[in-house]
Amino acid sequence: MAEEKQAEAQQAAELTVQDLGSIKQIIDVASQRGAFKPNEMMVIGQVYTKLESFLGAVQKQQKEQQQQQEAPESAE
């Protein structure tokens, strides 16, 4: 019983790349709508920039992996 609860907690705590992309979009929409105070914008901008950089790096890595997987298949 305790193991099941721990497994459920781990699943609930997962954060995917898609989740991070959604968070980026939420920050973008919220800032466009003026949801943040001016004194908060610097911190939010820094987090947004880090998130954007991370997502870009992940996307690049995924493309490279996809190309590597496709290369052996096309060689056959």
PDB file of N, CA and C in Angstrom:
ATOM      1  N   MET A   1       0.826  -1.194   0.000  1.00  0.00           N
ATOM      2  CA  MET A   1       0.000   0.000   0.000  1.00  0.00           C
ATOM      3  C   MET A   1       0.872   1.259   0.000  1.00  0.00           C
ATOM      4  N   ALA A   2       1.892   1.281   0.826  1.00  0.00           N
ATOM      5  CA  ALA A   2       2.779   2.446   0.893  1.00  0.00           C
ATOM      6  C   ALA A   2       3.564   2.597  -0.406  1.00  0.00           C
ATOM      7  N   GLU A   3       3.933   1.454  -1.009  1.00  0.00           N
ATOM      8  CA  GLU A   3       4.677   1.496  -2.266  1.00  0.00           C
ATOM      9  C   GLU A   3       3.819   2.074  -3.384  1.00  0.00           C
ATOM     10  N   GLU A   4       2.520   1.757  -3.377  1.00  0.00           N
ATOM     11  CA  GLU A   4       1.618   2.292  -4.392  1.00  0.00           C
ATOM     12  C   GLU A   4       1.497   3.801  -4.260  1.00  0.00           C
ATOM     13  N   LYS A   5       1.397   4.284  -3.034  1.00  0.00           N
ATOM     14  CA  LYS A   5       1.293   5.728  -2.807  1.00  0.00           C
ATOM     15  C   LYS A   5       2.566   6.426  -3.245  1.00  0.00           C
ATOM     16  N   GLN A   6       3.711   5.797  -2.992  1.00  0.00           N
ATOM     17  CA  GLN A   6       4.985   6.394  -3.394  1.00  0.00           C
ATOM     18  C   GLN A   6       5.084   6.437  -4.916  1.00  0.00           C
ATOM     19  N   ALA A   7       4.650   5.384  -5.586  1.00  0.00           N
ATOM     20  CA  ALA A   7       4.680   5.356  -7.046  1.00  0.00           C
ATOM     21  C   ALA A   7       3.751   6.416  -7.618  1.00  0.00           C
ATOM     22  N   GLU A   8       2.578   6.583  -7.023  1.00  0.00           N
ATOM     23  CA  GLU A   8       1.636   7.614  -7.479  1.00  0.00           C
ATOM     24  C   GLU A   8       2.221   9.005  -7.279  1.00  0.00           C
ATOM     25  N   ALA A   9       2.896   9.217  -6.162  1.00  0.00           N
ATOM     26  CA  ALA A   9       3.502  10.518  -5.880  1.00  0.00           C
ATOM     27  C   ALA A   9       4.600  10.830  -6.892  1.00  0.00           C
ATOM     28  N   GLN A  10       5.379   9.817  -7.268  1.00  0.00           N
ATOM     29  CA  GLN A  10       6.430  10.024  -8.252  1.00  0.00           C
ATOM     30  C   GLN A  10       5.835  10.363  -9.609  1.00  0.00           C
ATOM     31  N   GLN A  11       4.753   9.693  -9.998  1.00  0.00           N
ATOM     32  CA  GLN A  11       4.112   9.992 -11.263  1.00  0.00           C
ATOM     33  C   GLN A  11       3.524  11.394 -11.251  1.00  0.00           C
ATOM     34  N   ALA A  12       2.946  11.800 -10.140  1.00  0.00           N
ATOM     35  CA  ALA A  12       2.354  13.127 -10.045  1.00  0.00           C
ATOM     36  C   ALA A  12       3.427  14.214 -10.090  1.00  0.00           C
ATOM     37  N   ALA A  13       4.636  13.882  -9.695  1.00  0.00           N
ATOM     38  CA  ALA A  13       5.712  14.867  -9.637  1.00  0.00           C
ATOM     39  C   ALA A  13       6.482  14.991 -10.943  1.00  0.00           C
ATOM     40  N   GLU A  14       6.120  14.223 -11.964  1.00  0.00           N
ATOM     41  CA  GLU A  14       6.829  14.286 -13.234  1.00  0.00           C
ATOM     42  C   GLU A  14       6.612  15.629 -13.916  1.00  0.00           C
ATOM     43  N   LEU A  15       7.663  16.113 -14.532  1.00  0.00           N
ATOM     44  CA  LEU A  15       7.599  17.360 -15.290  1.00  0.00           C
ATOM     45  C   LEU A  15       8.229  17.078 -16.644  1.00  0.00           C
ATOM     46  N   THR A  16       7.451  17.179 -17.698  1.00  0.00           N
ATOM     47  CA  THR A  16       7.938  16.838 -19.028  1.00  0.00           C
ATOM     48  C   THR A  16       8.376  18.088 -19.785  1.00  0.00           C
ATOM     49  N   VAL A  17       9.021  17.864 -20.915  1.00  0.00           N
ATOM     50  CA  VAL A  17       9.431  18.969 -21.782  1.00  0.00           C
ATOM     51  C   VAL A  17       8.188  19.712 -22.283  1.00  0.00           C
ATOM     52  N   GLN A  18       7.122  18.969 -22.531  1.00  0.00           N
ATOM     53  CA  GLN A  18       5.877  19.600 -22.964  1.00  0.00           C
ATOM     54  C   GLN A  18       5.316  20.500 -21.859  1.00  0.00           C
ATOM     55  N   ASP A  19       5.446  20.065 -20.612  1.00  0.00           N
ATOM     56  CA  ASP A  19       5.009  20.896 -19.489  1.00  0.00           C
ATOM     57  C   ASP A  19       5.800  22.195 -19.444  1.00  0.00           C
ATOM     58  N   LEU A  20       7.098  22.088 -19.659  1.00  0.00           N
ATOM     59  CA  LEU A  20       7.949  23.283 -19.646  1.00  0.00           C
ATOM     60  C   LEU A  20       7.588  24.224 -20.792  1.00  0.00           C
ATOM     61  N   GLY A  21       7.252  23.657 -21.934  1.00  0.00           N
ATOM     62  CA  GLY A  21       6.798  24.479 -23.057  1.00  0.00           C
ATOM     63  C   GLY A  21       5.500  25.196 -22.721  1.00  0.00           C
ATOM     64  N   SER A  22       4.618  24.511 -22.034  1.00  0.00           N
ATOM     65  CA  SER A  22       3.359  25.129 -21.607  1.00  0.00           C
ATOM     66  C   SER A  22       3.611  26.250 -20.610  1.00  0.00           C
ATOM     67  N   ILE A  23       4.541  26.038 -19.702  1.00  0.00           N
ATOM     68  CA  ILE A  23       4.885  27.071 -18.719  1.00  0.00           C
ATOM     69  C   ILE A  23       5.419  28.307 -19.442  1.00  0.00           C
ATOM     70  N   LYS A  24       6.253  28.090 -20.456  1.00  0.00           N
ATOM     71  CA  LYS A  24       6.791  29.210 -21.242  1.00  0.00           C
ATOM     72  C   LYS A  24       5.659  29.995 -21.891  1.00  0.00           C
ATOM     73  N   GLN A  25       4.696  29.286 -22.454  1.00  0.00           N
ATOM     74  CA  GLN A  25       3.552  29.952 -23.081  1.00  0.00           C
ATOM     75  C   GLN A  25       2.716  30.706 -22.045  1.00  0.00           C
ATOM     76  N   ILE A  26       2.550  30.135 -20.877  1.00  0.00           N
ATOM     77  CA  ILE A  26       1.784  30.791 -19.811  1.00  0.00           C
ATOM     78  C   ILE A  26       2.466  32.093 -19.397  1.00  0.00           C
ATOM     79  N   ILE A  27       3.794  32.047 -19.239  1.00  0.00           N
ATOM     80  CA  ILE A  27       4.532  33.257 -18.880  1.00  0.00           C
ATOM     81  C   ILE A  27       4.369  34.312 -19.964  1.00  0.00           C
ATOM     82  N   ASP A  28       4.455  33.895 -21.211  1.00  0.00           N
ATOM     83  CA  ASP A  28       4.320  34.816 -22.340  1.00  0.00           C
ATOM     84  C   ASP A  28       2.941  35.481 -22.339  1.00  0.00           C
ATOM     85  N   VAL A  29       1.897  34.692 -22.205  1.00  0.00           N
ATOM     86  CA  VAL A  29       0.531  35.232 -22.208  1.00  0.00           C
ATOM     87  C   VAL A  29       0.300  36.138 -20.996  1.00  0.00           C
ATOM     88  N   ALA A  30       0.747  35.689 -19.840  1.00  0.00           N
ATOM     89  CA  ALA A  30       0.537  36.479 -18.625  1.00  0.00           C
ATOM     90  C   ALA A  30       1.257  37.821 -18.698  1.00  0.00           C
ATOM     91  N   SER A  31       2.462  37.826 -19.262  1.00  0.00           N
ATOM     92  CA  SER A  31       3.193  39.095 -19.366  1.00  0.00           C
ATOM     93  C   SER A  31       2.527  40.028 -20.373  1.00  0.00           C
ATOM     94  N   GLN A  32       1.993  39.460 -21.468  1.00  0.00           N
ATOM     95  CA  GLN A  32       1.283  40.280 -22.447  1.00  0.00           C
ATOM     96  C   GLN A  32       0.021  40.905 -21.853  1.00  0.00           C
ATOM     97  N   ARG A  33      -0.579  40.213 -20.923  1.00  0.00           N
ATOM     98  CA  ARG A  33      -1.815  40.702 -20.307  1.00  0.00           C
ATOM     99  C   ARG A  33      -1.567  41.577 -19.086  1.00  0.00           C
ATOM    100  N   GLY A  34      -0.300  41.814 -18.777  1.00  0.00           N
ATOM    101  CA  GLY A  34       0.035  42.693 -17.664  1.00  0.00           C
ATOM    102  C   GLY A  34      -0.175  42.077 -16.300  1.00  0.00           C
ATOM    103  N   ALA A  35       0.001  40.775 -16.197  1.00  0.00           N
ATOM    104  CA  ALA A  35      -0.236  40.080 -14.929  1.00  0.00           C
ATOM    105  C   ALA A  35       0.887  40.275 -13.927  1.00  0.00           C
ATOM    106  N   PHE A  36       2.019  40.752 -14.382  1.00  0.00           N
ATOM    107  CA  PHE A  36       3.169  40.909 -13.498  1.00  0.00           C
ATOM    108  C   PHE A  36       3.438  42.381 -13.236  1.00  0.00           C
ATOM    109  N   LYS A  37       3.886  42.659 -12.024  1.00  0.00           N
ATOM    110  CA  LYS A  37       4.254  44.027 -11.656  1.00  0.00           C
ATOM    111  C   LYS A  37       5.618  44.346 -12.275  1.00  0.00           C
ATOM    112  N   PRO A  38       5.876  45.625 -12.543  1.00  0.00           N
ATOM    113  CA  PRO A  38       7.162  45.993 -13.162  1.00  0.00           C
ATOM    114  C   PRO A  38       8.379  45.491 -12.385  1.00  0.00           C
ATOM    115  N   ASN A  39       8.326  45.514 -11.070  1.00  0.00           N
ATOM    116  CA  ASN A  39       9.483  45.069 -10.285  1.00  0.00           C
ATOM    117  C   ASN A  39       9.658  43.547 -10.319  1.00  0.00           C
ATOM    118  N   GLU A  40       8.683  42.816 -10.840  1.00  0.00           N
ATOM    119  CA  GLU A  40       8.780  41.365 -10.965  1.00  0.00           C
ATOM    120  C   GLU A  40       9.299  40.944 -12.338  1.00  0.00           C
ATOM    121  N   MET A  41       9.248  41.844 -13.289  1.00  0.00           N
ATOM    122  CA  MET A  41       9.547  41.487 -14.672  1.00  0.00           C
ATOM    123  C   MET A  41      10.992  41.029 -14.895  1.00  0.00           C
ATOM    124  N   MET A  42      11.945  41.568 -14.155  1.00  0.00           N
ATOM    125  CA  MET A  42      13.329  41.174 -14.355  1.00  0.00           C
ATOM    126  C   MET A  42      13.526  39.702 -13.999  1.00  0.00           C
ATOM    127  N   VAL A  43      13.013  39.281 -12.870  1.00  0.00           N
ATOM    128  CA  VAL A  43      13.152  37.890 -12.444  1.00  0.00           C
ATOM    129  C   VAL A  43      12.397  36.968 -13.399  1.00  0.00           C
ATOM    130  N   ILE A  44      11.206  37.364 -13.769  1.00  0.00           N
ATOM    131  CA  ILE A  44      10.402  36.561 -14.695  1.00  0.00           C
ATOM    132  C   ILE A  44      11.104  36.456 -16.042  1.00  0.00           C
ATOM    133  N   GLY A  45      11.678  37.549 -16.495  1.00  0.00           N
ATOM    134  CA  GLY A  45      12.418  37.533 -17.756  1.00  0.00           C
ATOM    135  C   GLY A  45      13.621  36.613 -17.706  1.00  0.00           C
ATOM    136  N   GLN A  46      14.318  36.598 -16.580  1.00  0.00           N
ATOM    137  CA  GLN A  46      15.474  35.715 -16.440  1.00  0.00           C
ATOM    138  C   GLN A  46      15.048  34.249 -16.476  1.00  0.00           C
ATOM    139  N   VAL A  47      13.987  33.926 -15.767  1.00  0.00           N
ATOM    140  CA  VAL A  47      13.481  32.557 -15.756  1.00  0.00           C
ATOM    141  C   VAL A  47      12.997  32.167 -17.153  1.00  0.00           C
ATOM    142  N   TYR A  48      12.304  33.075 -17.811  1.00  0.00           N
ATOM    143  CA  TYR A  48      11.797  32.832 -19.174  1.00  0.00           C
ATOM    144  C   TYR A  48      12.954  32.555 -20.126  1.00  0.00           C
ATOM    145  N   THR A  49      14.017  33.333 -20.027  1.00  0.00           N
ATOM    146  CA  THR A  49      15.179  33.162 -20.890  1.00  0.00           C
ATOM    147  C   THR A  49      15.858  31.814 -20.635  1.00  0.00           C
ATOM    148  N   LYS A  50      15.990  31.429 -19.366  1.00  0.00           N
ATOM    149  CA  LYS A  50      16.570  30.122 -19.040  1.00  0.00           C
ATOM    150  C   LYS A  50      15.707  28.996 -19.594  1.00  0.00           C
ATOM    151  N   LEU A  51      14.419  29.137 -19.428  1.00  0.00           N
ATOM    152  CA  LEU A  51      13.483  28.127 -19.916  1.00  0.00           C
ATOM    153  C   LEU A  51      13.549  28.009 -21.432  1.00  0.00           C
ATOM    154  N   GLU A  52      13.599  29.146 -22.099  1.00  0.00           N
ATOM    155  CA  GLU A  52      13.684  29.172 -23.554  1.00  0.00           C
ATOM    156  C   GLU A  52      14.988  28.526 -24.039  1.00  0.00           C
ATOM    157  N   SER A  53      16.082  28.822 -23.369  1.00  0.00           N
ATOM    158  CA  SER A  53      17.375  28.228 -23.730  1.00  0.00           C
ATOM    159  C   SER A  53      17.368  26.717 -23.517  1.00  0.00           C
ATOM    160  N   PHE A  54      16.815  26.293 -22.400  1.00  0.00           N
ATOM    161  CA  PHE A  54      16.746  24.868 -22.096  1.00  0.00           C
ATOM    162  C   PHE A  54      15.904  24.133 -23.137  1.00  0.00           C
ATOM    163  N   LEU A  55      14.744  24.690 -23.451  1.00  0.00           N
ATOM    164  CA  LEU A  55      13.862  24.060 -24.439  1.00  0.00           C
ATOM    165  C   LEU A  55      14.522  24.014 -25.812  1.00  0.00           C
ATOM    166  N   GLY A  56      15.254  25.060 -26.168  1.00  0.00           N
ATOM    167  CA  GLY A  56      15.985  25.068 -27.439  1.00  0.00           C
ATOM    168  C   GLY A  56      17.053  23.987 -27.479  1.00  0.00           C
ATOM    169  N   ALA A  57      17.770  23.809 -26.372  1.00  0.00           N
ATOM    170  CA  ALA A  57      18.803  22.780 -26.304  1.00  0.00           C
ATOM    171  C   ALA A  57      18.192  21.386 -26.394  1.00  0.00           C
ATOM    172  N   VAL A  58      17.072  21.179 -25.734  1.00  0.00           N
ATOM    173  CA  VAL A  58      16.395  19.885 -25.792  1.00  0.00           C
ATOM    174  C   VAL A  58      15.912  19.600 -27.206  1.00  0.00           C
ATOM    175  N   GLN A  59      15.343  20.609 -27.842  1.00  0.00           N
ATOM    176  CA  GLN A  59      14.851  20.446 -29.207  1.00  0.00           C
ATOM    177  C   GLN A  59      15.997  20.099 -30.158  1.00  0.00           C
ATOM    178  N   LYS A  60      17.133  20.768 -30.000  1.00  0.00           N
ATOM    179  CA  LYS A  60      18.304  20.492 -30.833  1.00  0.00           C
ATOM    180  C   LYS A  60      18.792  19.062 -30.605  1.00  0.00           C
ATOM    181  N   GLN A  61      18.828  18.648 -29.350  1.00  0.00           N
ATOM    182  CA  GLN A  61      19.274  17.303 -29.011  1.00  0.00           C
ATOM    183  C   GLN A  61      18.330  16.255 -29.598  1.00  0.00           C
ATOM    184  N   GLN A  62      17.042  16.505 -29.537  1.00  0.00           N
ATOM    185  CA  GLN A  62      16.066  15.571 -30.100  1.00  0.00           C
ATOM    186  C   GLN A  62      16.218  15.457 -31.611  1.00  0.00           C
ATOM    187  N   LYS A  63      16.469  16.575 -32.288  1.00  0.00           N
ATOM    188  CA  LYS A  63      16.677  16.548 -33.742  1.00  0.00           C
ATOM    189  C   LYS A  63      17.919  15.741 -34.093  1.00  0.00           C
ATOM    190  N   GLU A  64      18.997  15.938 -33.320  1.00  0.00           N
ATOM    191  CA  GLU A  64      20.232  15.201 -33.576  1.00  0.00           C
ATOM    192  C   GLU A  64      20.026  13.705 -33.382  1.00  0.00           C
ATOM    193  N   GLN A  65      19.301  13.344 -32.328  1.00  0.00           N
ATOM    194  CA  GLN A  65      19.030  11.928 -32.084  1.00  0.00           C
ATOM    195  C   GLN A  65      18.177  11.337 -33.198  1.00  0.00           C
ATOM    196  N   GLN A  66      17.223  12.097 -33.671  1.00  0.00           N
ATOM    197  CA  GLN A  66      16.361  11.630 -34.743  1.00  0.00           C
ATOM    198  C   GLN A  66      17.172  11.427 -36.028  1.00  0.00           C
ATOM    199  N   GLN A  67      18.080  12.350 -36.312  1.00  0.00           N
ATOM    200  CA  GLN A  67      18.919  12.237 -37.502  1.00  0.00           C
ATOM    201  C   GLN A  67      19.840  11.024 -37.395  1.00  0.00           C
ATOM    202  N   GLN A  68      20.355  10.756 -36.192  1.00  0.00           N
ATOM    203  CA  GLN A  68      21.222   9.605 -36.004  1.00  0.00           C
ATOM    204  C   GLN A  68      20.460   8.303 -36.187  1.00  0.00           C
ATOM    205  N   GLN A  69      19.218   8.289 -35.757  1.00  0.00           N
ATOM    206  CA  GLN A  69      18.394   7.089 -35.917  1.00  0.00           C
ATOM    207  C   GLN A  69      18.014   6.875 -37.374  1.00  0.00           C
ATOM    208  N   GLU A  70      17.789   7.963 -38.091  1.00  0.00           N
ATOM    209  CA  GLU A  70      17.408   7.861 -39.498  1.00  0.00           C
ATOM    210  C   GLU A  70      18.594   7.497 -40.382  1.00  0.00           C
ATOM    211  N   ALA A  71      19.798   7.914 -40.024  1.00  0.00           N
ATOM    212  CA  ALA A  71      20.979   7.666 -40.833  1.00  0.00           C
ATOM    213  C   ALA A  71      21.240   6.171 -41.022  1.00  0.00           C
ATOM    214  N   PRO A  72      21.252   5.349 -39.985  1.00  0.00           N
ATOM    215  CA  PRO A  72      21.481   3.909 -40.205  1.00  0.00           C
ATOM    216  C   PRO A  72      20.367   3.267 -41.026  1.00  0.00           C
ATOM    217  N   GLU A  73      19.159   3.728 -40.882  1.00  0.00           N
ATOM    218  CA  GLU A  73      18.043   3.156 -41.624  1.00  0.00           C
ATOM    219  C   GLU A  73      18.171   3.447 -43.117  1.00  0.00           C
ATOM    220  N   SER A  74      18.608   4.648 -43.457  1.00  0.00           N
ATOM    221  CA  SER A  74      18.732   5.016 -44.872  1.00  0.00           C
ATOM    222  C   SER A  74      19.956   4.353 -45.507  1.00  0.00           C
ATOM    223  N   ALA A  75      20.936   3.936 -44.699  1.00  0.00           N
ATOM    224  CA  ALA A  75      22.137   3.295 -45.218  1.00  0.00           C
ATOM    225  C   ALA A  75      21.860   1.856 -45.622  1.00  0.00           C
ATOM    226  N   GLU A  76      20.800   1.274 -45.107  1.00  0.00           N
ATOM    227  CA  GLU A  76      20.498  -0.133 -45.392  1.00  0.00           C
ATOM    228  C   GLU A  76      19.901  -0.322 -46.723  1.00  0.00           C
TER     229      GLU A  76
END
